[in-house]
Amino acid sequence: MEGMTISGGDWSLTRLVYQDLSGFQLGGIHFREADLYRCDFTGADLRRADLSYATLDGACLKGADLREAIMEGIPWKELNLEGTRIDMAQAVALAQSLGARVE
């Protein structure tokens, strides 16, 4: 994917395993149910992206921006979120996935 520019679109159900997407501008893109196994999203902009039910096993999201991304069906506690920017709704989902009762 080196040298490639992605500007929008629907990448749902695609298989992008082991791809280096670090630093990519991926905001608003649909990755619904995509296989993103072990992808590197370090520093990527994923704001408003739809990652619902995507396979993110082993994916690196260090320093990525996930604010307003749709994360339905994602196992938060299994993600590497070091330095990742998330919004309040995502923080609640993360806390709940770790067993917290949010009231």
PDB file of N, CA and C in Angstrom:
ATOM      1  N   MET A   1       0.833  -1.191   0.000  1.00  0.00           N
ATOM      2  CA  MET A   1       0.000   0.000   0.000  1.00  0.00           C
ATOM      3  C   MET A   1       0.878   1.255   0.000  1.00  0.00           C
ATOM      4  N   GLU A   2       2.168   1.089  -0.008  1.00  0.00           N
ATOM      5  CA  GLU A   2       3.076   2.222   0.020  1.00  0.00           C
ATOM      6  C   GLU A   2       2.878   3.101  -1.211  1.00  0.00           C
ATOM      7  N   GLY A   3       2.824   4.401  -0.993  1.00  0.00           N
ATOM      8  CA  GLY A   3       2.638   5.336  -2.086  1.00  0.00           C
ATOM      9  C   GLY A   3       1.197   5.490  -2.531  1.00  0.00           C
ATOM     10  N   MET A   4       0.305   4.782  -1.880  1.00  0.00           N
ATOM     11  CA  MET A   4      -1.104   4.806  -2.255  1.00  0.00           C
ATOM     12  C   MET A   4      -1.847   5.864  -1.452  1.00  0.00           C
ATOM     13  N   THR A   5      -2.813   6.504  -2.069  1.00  0.00           N
ATOM     14  CA  THR A   5      -3.677   7.459  -1.386  1.00  0.00           C
ATOM     15  C   THR A   5      -5.095   6.923  -1.435  1.00  0.00           C
ATOM     16  N   ILE A   6      -5.724   6.866  -0.252  1.00  0.00           N
ATOM     17  CA  ILE A   6      -7.116   6.425  -0.177  1.00  0.00           C
ATOM     18  C   ILE A   6      -7.944   7.641   0.180  1.00  0.00           C
ATOM     19  N   SER A   7      -8.878   7.997  -0.652  1.00  0.00           N
ATOM     20  CA  SER A   7      -9.706   9.171  -0.369  1.00  0.00           C
ATOM     21  C   SER A   7     -11.178   8.802  -0.431  1.00  0.00           C
ATOM     22  N   GLY A   8     -11.646   8.204   0.657  1.00  0.00           N
ATOM     23  CA  GLY A   8     -13.053   7.841   0.751  1.00  0.00           C
ATOM     24  C   GLY A   8     -13.348   6.492   0.156  1.00  0.00           C
ATOM     25  N   GLY A   9     -14.613   6.152   0.233  1.00  0.00           N
ATOM     26  CA  GLY A   9     -15.070   4.915  -0.377  1.00  0.00           C
ATOM     27  C   GLY A   9     -15.564   3.900   0.619  1.00  0.00           C
ATOM     28  N   ASP A  10     -15.999   2.791   0.084  1.00  0.00           N
ATOM     29  CA  ASP A  10     -16.534   1.707   0.881  1.00  0.00           C
ATOM     30  C   ASP A  10     -15.617   0.499   0.721  1.00  0.00           C
ATOM     31  N   TRP A  11     -14.860   0.223   1.768  1.00  0.00           N
ATOM     32  CA  TRP A  11     -13.925  -0.896   1.789  1.00  0.00           C
ATOM     33  C   TRP A  11     -14.478  -2.029   2.659  1.00  0.00           C
ATOM     34  N   SER A  12     -15.797  -2.049   2.836  1.00  0.00           N
ATOM     35  CA  SER A  12     -16.440  -3.090   3.630  1.00  0.00           C
ATOM     36  C   SER A  12     -16.164  -4.459   3.014  1.00  0.00           C
ATOM     37  N   LEU A  13     -15.985  -5.442   3.891  1.00  0.00           N
ATOM     38  CA  LEU A  13     -15.783  -6.835   3.518  1.00  0.00           C
ATOM     39  C   LEU A  13     -14.480  -7.095   2.761  1.00  0.00           C
ATOM     40  N   THR A  14     -13.573  -6.130   2.720  1.00  0.00           N
ATOM     41  CA  THR A  14     -12.291  -6.349   2.044  1.00  0.00           C
ATOM     42  C   THR A  14     -11.339  -7.107   2.961  1.00  0.00           C
ATOM     43  N   ARG A  15     -10.303  -7.667   2.413  1.00  0.00           N
ATOM     44  CA  ARG A  15      -9.287  -8.387   3.179  1.00  0.00           C
ATOM     45  C   ARG A  15      -7.966  -7.637   3.001  1.00  0.00           C
ATOM     46  N   LEU A  16      -7.565  -6.938   4.058  1.00  0.00           N
ATOM     47  CA  LEU A  16      -6.358  -6.109   4.000  1.00  0.00           C
ATOM     48  C   LEU A  16      -5.340  -6.556   5.060  1.00  0.00           C
ATOM     49  N   VAL A  17      -5.229  -7.826   5.322  1.00  0.00           N
ATOM     50  CA  VAL A  17      -4.373  -8.333   6.395  1.00  0.00           C
ATOM     51  C   VAL A  17      -2.919  -7.895   6.229  1.00  0.00           C
ATOM     52  N   TYR A  18      -2.271  -7.608   7.373  1.00  0.00           N
ATOM     53  CA  TYR A  18      -0.851  -7.246   7.467  1.00  0.00           C
ATOM     54  C   TYR A  18      -0.473  -5.959   6.719  1.00  0.00           C
ATOM     55  N   GLN A  19      -1.419  -5.103   6.399  1.00  0.00           N
ATOM     56  CA  GLN A  19      -1.099  -3.883   5.650  1.00  0.00           C
ATOM     57  C   GLN A  19      -0.560  -2.790   6.573  1.00  0.00           C
ATOM     58  N   ASP A  20       0.387  -2.029   6.080  1.00  0.00           N
ATOM     59  CA  ASP A  20       0.928  -0.886   6.802  1.00  0.00           C
ATOM     60  C   ASP A  20       0.141   0.349   6.367  1.00  0.00           C
ATOM     61  N   LEU A  21      -0.799   0.745   7.214  1.00  0.00           N
ATOM     62  CA  LEU A  21      -1.634   1.914   6.937  1.00  0.00           C
ATOM     63  C   LEU A  21      -1.285   3.043   7.899  1.00  0.00           C
ATOM     64  N   SER A  22      -0.083   2.993   8.441  1.00  0.00           N
ATOM     65  CA  SER A  22       0.338   3.997   9.413  1.00  0.00           C
ATOM     66  C   SER A  22       0.379   5.375   8.772  1.00  0.00           C
ATOM     67  N   GLY A  23      -0.220   6.331   9.478  1.00  0.00           N
ATOM     68  CA  GLY A  23      -0.246   7.707   9.008  1.00  0.00           C
ATOM     69  C   GLY A  23      -1.253   8.001   7.918  1.00  0.00           C
ATOM     70  N   PHE A  24      -1.990   7.009   7.453  1.00  0.00           N
ATOM     71  CA  PHE A  24      -2.974   7.219   6.384  1.00  0.00           C
ATOM     72  C   PHE A  24      -4.145   8.068   6.880  1.00  0.00           C
ATOM     73  N   GLN A  25      -4.720   8.845   5.994  1.00  0.00           N
ATOM     74  CA  GLN A  25      -5.935   9.614   6.253  1.00  0.00           C
ATOM     75  C   GLN A  25      -7.105   8.740   5.816  1.00  0.00           C
ATOM     76  N   LEU A  26      -7.765   8.104   6.786  1.00  0.00           N
ATOM     77  CA  LEU A  26      -8.816   7.139   6.479  1.00  0.00           C
ATOM     78  C   LEU A  26     -10.158   7.558   7.059  1.00  0.00           C
ATOM     79  N   GLY A  27     -10.285   8.825   7.390  1.00  0.00           N
ATOM     80  CA  GLY A  27     -11.512   9.327   7.992  1.00  0.00           C
ATOM     81  C   GLY A  27     -12.721   9.155   7.082  1.00  0.00           C
ATOM     82  N   GLY A  28     -13.808   8.659   7.675  1.00  0.00           N
ATOM     83  CA  GLY A  28     -15.063   8.522   6.943  1.00  0.00           C
ATOM     84  C   GLY A  28     -15.162   7.308   6.045  1.00  0.00           C
ATOM     85  N   ILE A  29     -14.132   6.516   5.955  1.00  0.00           N
ATOM     86  CA  ILE A  29     -14.156   5.345   5.080  1.00  0.00           C
ATOM     87  C   ILE A  29     -14.887   4.197   5.774  1.00  0.00           C
ATOM     88  N   HIS A  30     -15.628   3.430   5.006  1.00  0.00           N
ATOM     89  CA  HIS A  30     -16.361   2.277   5.534  1.00  0.00           C
ATOM     90  C   HIS A  30     -15.481   1.032   5.451  1.00  0.00           C
ATOM     91  N   PHE A  31     -15.136   0.491   6.624  1.00  0.00           N
ATOM     92  CA  PHE A  31     -14.392  -0.761   6.720  1.00  0.00           C
ATOM     93  C   PHE A  31     -15.257  -1.814   7.404  1.00  0.00           C
ATOM     94  N   ARG A  32     -16.554  -1.680   7.298  1.00  0.00           N
ATOM     95  CA  ARG A  32     -17.483  -2.576   7.991  1.00  0.00           C
ATOM     96  C   ARG A  32     -17.211  -4.032   7.601  1.00  0.00           C
ATOM     97  N   GLU A  33     -16.978  -4.869   8.614  1.00  0.00           N
ATOM     98  CA  GLU A  33     -16.719  -6.302   8.460  1.00  0.00           C
ATOM     99  C   GLU A  33     -15.479  -6.612   7.631  1.00  0.00           C
ATOM    100  N   ALA A  34     -14.583  -5.645   7.479  1.00  0.00           N
ATOM    101  CA  ALA A  34     -13.335  -5.880   6.746  1.00  0.00           C
ATOM    102  C   ALA A  34     -12.377  -6.708   7.597  1.00  0.00           C
ATOM    103  N   ASP A  35     -11.519  -7.470   6.957  1.00  0.00           N
ATOM    104  CA  ASP A  35     -10.494  -8.242   7.650  1.00  0.00           C
ATOM    105  C   ASP A  35      -9.233  -7.387   7.704  1.00  0.00           C
ATOM    106  N   LEU A  36      -8.996  -6.794   8.868  1.00  0.00           N
ATOM    107  CA  LEU A  36      -7.863  -5.895   9.063  1.00  0.00           C
ATOM    108  C   LEU A  36      -6.844  -6.516  10.028  1.00  0.00           C
ATOM    109  N   TYR A  37      -6.767  -7.835   9.995  1.00  0.00           N
ATOM    110  CA  TYR A  37      -5.884  -8.598  10.876  1.00  0.00           C
ATOM    111  C   TYR A  37      -4.448  -8.087  10.784  1.00  0.00           C
ATOM    112  N   ARG A  38      -3.896  -7.748  11.952  1.00  0.00           N
ATOM    113  CA  ARG A  38      -2.505  -7.291  12.092  1.00  0.00           C
ATOM    114  C   ARG A  38      -2.140  -6.079  11.230  1.00  0.00           C
ATOM    115  N   CYS A  39      -3.107  -5.264  10.859  1.00  0.00           N
ATOM    116  CA  CYS A  39      -2.801  -4.025  10.135  1.00  0.00           C
ATOM    117  C   CYS A  39      -2.166  -3.022  11.099  1.00  0.00           C
ATOM    118  N   ASP A  40      -1.303  -2.203  10.570  1.00  0.00           N
ATOM    119  CA  ASP A  40      -0.652  -1.160  11.357  1.00  0.00           C
ATOM    120  C   ASP A  40      -1.304   0.175  11.033  1.00  0.00           C
ATOM    121  N   PHE A  41      -2.076   0.695  12.008  1.00  0.00           N
ATOM    122  CA  PHE A  41      -2.754   1.980  11.869  1.00  0.00           C
ATOM    123  C   PHE A  41      -2.066   3.048  12.720  1.00  0.00           C
ATOM    124  N   THR A  42      -0.795   2.870  13.046  1.00  0.00           N
ATOM    125  CA  THR A  42      -0.079   3.820  13.883  1.00  0.00           C
ATOM    126  C   THR A  42      -0.219   5.234  13.317  1.00  0.00           C
ATOM    127  N   GLY A  43      -0.767   6.141  14.140  1.00  0.00           N
ATOM    128  CA  GLY A  43      -0.905   7.538  13.734  1.00  0.00           C
ATOM    129  C   GLY A  43      -1.919   7.793  12.627  1.00  0.00           C
ATOM    130  N   ALA A  44      -2.714   6.802  12.276  1.00  0.00           N
ATOM    131  CA  ALA A  44      -3.703   6.981  11.201  1.00  0.00           C
ATOM    132  C   ALA A  44      -4.894   7.806  11.678  1.00  0.00           C
ATOM    133  N   ASP A  45      -5.501   8.521  10.758  1.00  0.00           N
ATOM    134  CA  ASP A  45      -6.713   9.291  11.029  1.00  0.00           C
ATOM    135  C   ASP A  45      -7.905   8.449  10.603  1.00  0.00           C
ATOM    136  N   LEU A  46      -8.625   7.918  11.602  1.00  0.00           N
ATOM    137  CA  LEU A  46      -9.797   7.082  11.342  1.00  0.00           C
ATOM    138  C   LEU A  46     -11.070   7.750  11.842  1.00  0.00           C
ATOM    139  N   ARG A  47     -11.033   9.076  12.000  1.00  0.00           N
ATOM    140  CA  ARG A  47     -12.225   9.780  12.483  1.00  0.00           C
ATOM    141  C   ARG A  47     -13.407   9.532  11.540  1.00  0.00           C
ATOM    142  N   ARG A  48     -14.544   9.210  12.161  1.00  0.00           N
ATOM    143  CA  ARG A  48     -15.806   8.975  11.459  1.00  0.00           C
ATOM    144  C   ARG A  48     -15.768   7.758  10.528  1.00  0.00           C
ATOM    145  N   ALA A  49     -14.723   6.929  10.608  1.00  0.00           N
ATOM    146  CA  ALA A  49     -14.687   5.697   9.820  1.00  0.00           C
ATOM    147  C   ALA A  49     -15.651   4.685  10.437  1.00  0.00           C
ATOM    148  N   ASP A  50     -16.160   3.791   9.630  1.00  0.00           N
ATOM    149  CA  ASP A  50     -17.035   2.728  10.123  1.00  0.00           C
ATOM    150  C   ASP A  50     -16.222   1.440  10.187  1.00  0.00           C
ATOM    151  N   LEU A  51     -15.862   1.055  11.409  1.00  0.00           N
ATOM    152  CA  LEU A  51     -15.088  -0.162  11.638  1.00  0.00           C
ATOM    153  C   LEU A  51     -15.954  -1.261  12.252  1.00  0.00           C
ATOM    154  N   SER A  52     -17.251  -1.127  12.160  1.00  0.00           N
ATOM    155  CA  SER A  52     -18.167  -2.081  12.776  1.00  0.00           C
ATOM    156  C   SER A  52     -17.878  -3.509  12.341  1.00  0.00           C
ATOM    157  N   TYR A  53     -17.722  -4.367  13.346  1.00  0.00           N
ATOM    158  CA  TYR A  53     -17.529  -5.802  13.142  1.00  0.00           C
ATOM    159  C   TYR A  53     -16.307  -6.147  12.293  1.00  0.00           C
ATOM    160  N   ALA A  54     -15.383  -5.204  12.145  1.00  0.00           N
ATOM    161  CA  ALA A  54     -14.142  -5.490  11.419  1.00  0.00           C
ATOM    162  C   ALA A  54     -13.268  -6.412  12.284  1.00  0.00           C
ATOM    163  N   THR A  55     -12.459  -7.224  11.639  1.00  0.00           N
ATOM    164  CA  THR A  55     -11.498  -8.063  12.353  1.00  0.00           C
ATOM    165  C   THR A  55     -10.249  -7.223  12.580  1.00  0.00           C
ATOM    166  N   LEU A  56     -10.002  -6.891  13.845  1.00  0.00           N
ATOM    167  CA  LEU A  56      -8.855  -6.057  14.200  1.00  0.00           C
ATOM    168  C   LEU A  56      -7.865  -6.817  15.075  1.00  0.00           C
ATOM    169  N   ASP A  57      -7.932  -8.149  15.077  1.00  0.00           N
ATOM    170  CA  ASP A  57      -7.018  -8.953  15.877  1.00  0.00           C
ATOM    171  C   ASP A  57      -5.577  -8.618  15.514  1.00  0.00           C
ATOM    172  N   GLY A  58      -4.785  -8.282  16.527  1.00  0.00           N
ATOM    173  CA  GLY A  58      -3.382  -7.985  16.308  1.00  0.00           C
ATOM    174  C   GLY A  58      -3.103  -6.657  15.636  1.00  0.00           C
ATOM    175  N   ALA A  59      -4.141  -5.866  15.352  1.00  0.00           N
ATOM    176  CA  ALA A  59      -3.934  -4.565  14.713  1.00  0.00           C
ATOM    177  C   ALA A  59      -3.302  -3.587  15.701  1.00  0.00           C
ATOM    178  N   CYS A  60      -2.477  -2.698  15.211  1.00  0.00           N
ATOM    179  CA  CYS A  60      -1.846  -1.680  16.042  1.00  0.00           C
ATOM    180  C   CYS A  60      -2.527  -0.343  15.766  1.00  0.00           C
ATOM    181  N   LEU A  61      -3.100   0.242  16.814  1.00  0.00           N
ATOM    182  CA  LEU A  61      -3.786   1.529  16.693  1.00  0.00           C
ATOM    183  C   LEU A  61      -3.072   2.618  17.492  1.00  0.00           C
ATOM    184  N   LYS A  62      -1.789   2.419  17.792  1.00  0.00           N
ATOM    185  CA  LYS A  62      -1.029   3.393  18.573  1.00  0.00           C
ATOM    186  C   LYS A  62      -1.085   4.768  17.922  1.00  0.00           C
ATOM    187  N   GLY A  63      -1.514   5.742  18.704  1.00  0.00           N
ATOM    188  CA  GLY A  63      -1.527   7.119  18.225  1.00  0.00           C
ATOM    189  C   GLY A  63      -2.555   7.415  17.149  1.00  0.00           C
ATOM    190  N   ALA A  64      -3.419   6.470  16.847  1.00  0.00           N
ATOM    191  CA  ALA A  64      -4.460   6.701  15.838  1.00  0.00           C
ATOM    192  C   ALA A  64      -5.553   7.601  16.410  1.00  0.00           C
ATOM    193  N   ASP A  65      -6.328   8.210  15.543  1.00  0.00           N
ATOM    194  CA  ASP A  65      -7.450   9.054  15.952  1.00  0.00           C
ATOM    195  C   ASP A  65      -8.738   8.334  15.576  1.00  0.00           C
ATOM    196  N   LEU A  66      -9.449   7.847  16.604  1.00  0.00           N
ATOM    197  CA  LEU A  66     -10.688   7.096  16.380  1.00  0.00           C
ATOM    198  C   LEU A  66     -11.935   7.897  16.728  1.00  0.00           C
ATOM    199  N   ARG A  67     -11.783   9.168  17.042  1.00  0.00           N
ATOM    200  CA  ARG A  67     -12.942   9.944  17.457  1.00  0.00           C
ATOM    201  C   ARG A  67     -14.046   9.887  16.410  1.00  0.00           C
ATOM    202  N   GLU A  68     -15.269   9.627  16.910  1.00  0.00           N
ATOM    203  CA  GLU A  68     -16.483   9.525  16.102  1.00  0.00           C
ATOM    204  C   GLU A  68     -16.490   8.332  15.155  1.00  0.00           C
ATOM    205  N   ALA A  69     -15.511   7.442  15.260  1.00  0.00           N
ATOM    206  CA  ALA A  69     -15.534   6.220  14.445  1.00  0.00           C
ATOM    207  C   ALA A  69     -16.607   5.292  14.988  1.00  0.00           C
ATOM    208  N   ILE A  70     -17.259   4.580  14.106  1.00  0.00           N
ATOM    209  CA  ILE A  70     -18.281   3.612  14.507  1.00  0.00           C
ATOM    210  C   ILE A  70     -17.563   2.298  14.801  1.00  0.00           C
ATOM    211  N   MET A  71     -17.658   1.861  16.065  1.00  0.00           N
ATOM    212  CA  MET A  71     -16.886   0.707  16.528  1.00  0.00           C
ATOM    213  C   MET A  71     -17.782  -0.410  17.044  1.00  0.00           C
ATOM    214  N   GLU A  72     -18.967  -0.539  16.506  1.00  0.00           N
ATOM    215  CA  GLU A  72     -19.918  -1.554  16.955  1.00  0.00           C
ATOM    216  C   GLU A  72     -19.345  -2.959  16.729  1.00  0.00           C
ATOM    217  N   GLY A  73     -19.432  -3.792  17.770  1.00  0.00           N
ATOM    218  CA  GLY A  73     -18.975  -5.169  17.648  1.00  0.00           C
ATOM    219  C   GLY A  73     -17.475  -5.352  17.728  1.00  0.00           C
ATOM    220  N   ILE A  74     -16.754  -4.335  18.180  1.00  0.00           N
ATOM    221  CA  ILE A  74     -15.296  -4.410  18.284  1.00  0.00           C
ATOM    222  C   ILE A  74     -14.919  -4.775  19.723  1.00  0.00           C
ATOM    223  N   PRO A  75     -14.044  -5.759  19.921  1.00  0.00           N
ATOM    224  CA  PRO A  75     -13.617  -6.133  21.275  1.00  0.00           C
ATOM    225  C   PRO A  75     -12.560  -5.160  21.809  1.00  0.00           C
ATOM    226  N   TRP A  76     -13.012  -4.068  22.396  1.00  0.00           N
ATOM    227  CA  TRP A  76     -12.135  -2.989  22.847  1.00  0.00           C
ATOM    228  C   TRP A  76     -10.949  -3.465  23.672  1.00  0.00           C
ATOM    229  N   LYS A  77     -11.189  -4.379  24.596  1.00  0.00           N
ATOM    230  CA  LYS A  77     -10.124  -4.762  25.522  1.00  0.00           C
ATOM    231  C   LYS A  77      -8.987  -5.520  24.848  1.00  0.00           C
ATOM    232  N   GLU A  78      -9.170  -5.944  23.627  1.00  0.00           N
ATOM    233  CA  GLU A  78      -8.125  -6.666  22.908  1.00  0.00           C
ATOM    234  C   GLU A  78      -7.291  -5.765  21.995  1.00  0.00           C
ATOM    235  N   LEU A  79      -7.625  -4.487  21.934  1.00  0.00           N
ATOM    236  CA  LEU A  79      -6.921  -3.565  21.037  1.00  0.00           C
ATOM    237  C   LEU A  79      -5.722  -2.912  21.713  1.00  0.00           C
ATOM    238  N   ASN A  80      -4.691  -2.637  20.936  1.00  0.00           N
ATOM    239  CA  ASN A  80      -3.546  -1.863  21.418  1.00  0.00           C
ATOM    240  C   ASN A  80      -3.901  -0.397  21.190  1.00  0.00           C
ATOM    241  N   LEU A  81      -4.269   0.295  22.272  1.00  0.00           N
ATOM    242  CA  LEU A  81      -4.760   1.675  22.172  1.00  0.00           C
ATOM    243  C   LEU A  81      -3.792   2.706  22.740  1.00  0.00           C
ATOM    244  N   GLU A  82      -2.545   2.359  22.868  1.00  0.00           N
ATOM    245  CA  GLU A  82      -1.563   3.279  23.436  1.00  0.00           C
ATOM    246  C   GLU A  82      -1.515   4.591  22.651  1.00  0.00           C
ATOM    247  N   GLY A  83      -1.862   5.687  23.327  1.00  0.00           N
ATOM    248  CA  GLY A  83      -1.824   7.002  22.705  1.00  0.00           C
ATOM    249  C   GLY A  83      -2.936   7.263  21.702  1.00  0.00           C
ATOM    250  N   THR A  84      -3.905   6.358  21.612  1.00  0.00           N
ATOM    251  CA  THR A  84      -5.014   6.504  20.664  1.00  0.00           C
ATOM    252  C   THR A  84      -6.022   7.523  21.169  1.00  0.00           C
ATOM    253  N   ARG A  85      -6.501   8.374  20.295  1.00  0.00           N
ATOM    254  CA  ARG A  85      -7.517   9.372  20.648  1.00  0.00           C
ATOM    255  C   ARG A  85      -8.893   8.766  20.439  1.00  0.00           C
ATOM    256  N   ILE A  86      -9.713   8.798  21.516  1.00  0.00           N
ATOM    257  CA  ILE A  86     -11.080   8.302  21.435  1.00  0.00           C
ATOM    258  C   ILE A  86     -12.016   9.358  22.011  1.00  0.00           C
ATOM    259  N   ASP A  87     -13.303   9.244  21.684  1.00  0.00           N
ATOM    260  CA  ASP A  87     -14.281  10.200  22.212  1.00  0.00           C
ATOM    261  C   ASP A  87     -14.944   9.618  23.463  1.00  0.00           C
ATOM    262  N   MET A  88     -15.847  10.372  24.075  1.00  0.00           N
ATOM    263  CA  MET A  88     -16.474   9.955  25.324  1.00  0.00           C
ATOM    264  C   MET A  88     -17.304   8.684  25.164  1.00  0.00           C
ATOM    265  N   ALA A  89     -18.067   8.569  24.102  1.00  0.00           N
ATOM    266  CA  ALA A  89     -18.878   7.365  23.891  1.00  0.00           C
ATOM    267  C   ALA A  89     -17.982   6.129  23.770  1.00  0.00           C
ATOM    268  N   GLN A  90     -16.856   6.269  23.100  1.00  0.00           N
ATOM    269  CA  GLN A  90     -15.925   5.162  22.962  1.00  0.00           C
ATOM    270  C   GLN A  90     -15.264   4.839  24.302  1.00  0.00           C
ATOM    271  N   ALA A  91     -14.995   5.869  25.103  1.00  0.00           N
ATOM    272  CA  ALA A  91     -14.418   5.646  26.432  1.00  0.00           C
ATOM    273  C   ALA A  91     -15.374   4.837  27.305  1.00  0.00           C
ATOM    274  N   VAL A  92     -16.656   5.120  27.198  1.00  0.00           N
ATOM    275  CA  VAL A  92     -17.668   4.356  27.935  1.00  0.00           C
ATOM    276  C   VAL A  92     -17.681   2.910  27.445  1.00  0.00           C
ATOM    277  N   ALA A  93     -17.664   2.696  26.133  1.00  0.00           N
ATOM    278  CA  ALA A  93     -17.658   1.336  25.581  1.00  0.00           C
ATOM    279  C   ALA A  93     -16.405   0.579  26.031  1.00  0.00           C
ATOM    280  N   LEU A  94     -15.276   1.253  26.068  1.00  0.00           N
ATOM    281  CA  LEU A  94     -14.032   0.638  26.532  1.00  0.00           C
ATOM    282  C   LEU A  94     -14.141   0.249  27.996  1.00  0.00           C
ATOM    283  N   ALA A  95     -14.642   1.162  28.827  1.00  0.00           N
ATOM    284  CA  ALA A  95     -14.808   0.878  30.253  1.00  0.00           C
ATOM    285  C   ALA A  95     -15.750  -0.310  30.463  1.00  0.00           C
ATOM    286  N   GLN A  96     -16.833  -0.354  29.726  1.00  0.00           N
ATOM    287  CA  GLN A  96     -17.785  -1.458  29.846  1.00  0.00           C
ATOM    288  C   GLN A  96     -17.162  -2.780  29.410  1.00  0.00           C
ATOM    289  N   SER A  97     -16.330  -2.740  28.388  1.00  0.00           N
ATOM    290  CA  SER A  97     -15.685  -3.982  27.916  1.00  0.00           C
ATOM    291  C   SER A  97     -14.699  -4.504  28.955  1.00  0.00           C
ATOM    292  N   LEU A  98     -14.234  -3.622  29.833  1.00  0.00           N
ATOM    293  CA  LEU A  98     -13.310  -4.027  30.900  1.00  0.00           C
ATOM    294  C   LEU A  98     -14.061  -4.405  32.176  1.00  0.00           C
ATOM    295  N   GLY A  99     -15.391  -4.401  32.110  1.00  0.00           N
ATOM    296  CA  GLY A  99     -16.192  -4.846  33.240  1.00  0.00           C
ATOM    297  C   GLY A  99     -16.745  -3.751  34.128  1.00  0.00           C
ATOM    298  N   ALA A 100     -16.487  -2.505  33.797  1.00  0.00           N
ATOM    299  CA  ALA A 100     -16.986  -1.393  34.622  1.00  0.00           C
ATOM    300  C   ALA A 100     -18.480  -1.185  34.396  1.00  0.00           C
ATOM    301  N   ARG A 101     -19.142  -0.741  35.458  1.00  0.00           N
ATOM    302  CA  ARG A 101     -20.544  -0.329  35.345  1.00  0.00           C
ATOM    303  C   ARG A 101     -20.550   1.175  35.176  1.00  0.00           C
ATOM    304  N   VAL A 102     -20.990   1.658  34.056  1.00  0.00           N
ATOM    305  CA  VAL A 102     -21.028   3.090  33.786  1.00  0.00           C
ATOM    306  C   VAL A 102     -22.444   3.570  34.007  1.00  0.00           C
ATOM    307  N   GLU A 103     -22.601   4.516  34.932  1.00  0.00           N
ATOM    308  CA  GLU A 103     -23.951   5.011  35.273  1.00  0.00           C
ATOM    309  C   GLU A 103     -24.039   6.497  35.057  1.00  0.00           C
TER     310      GLU A 103
END
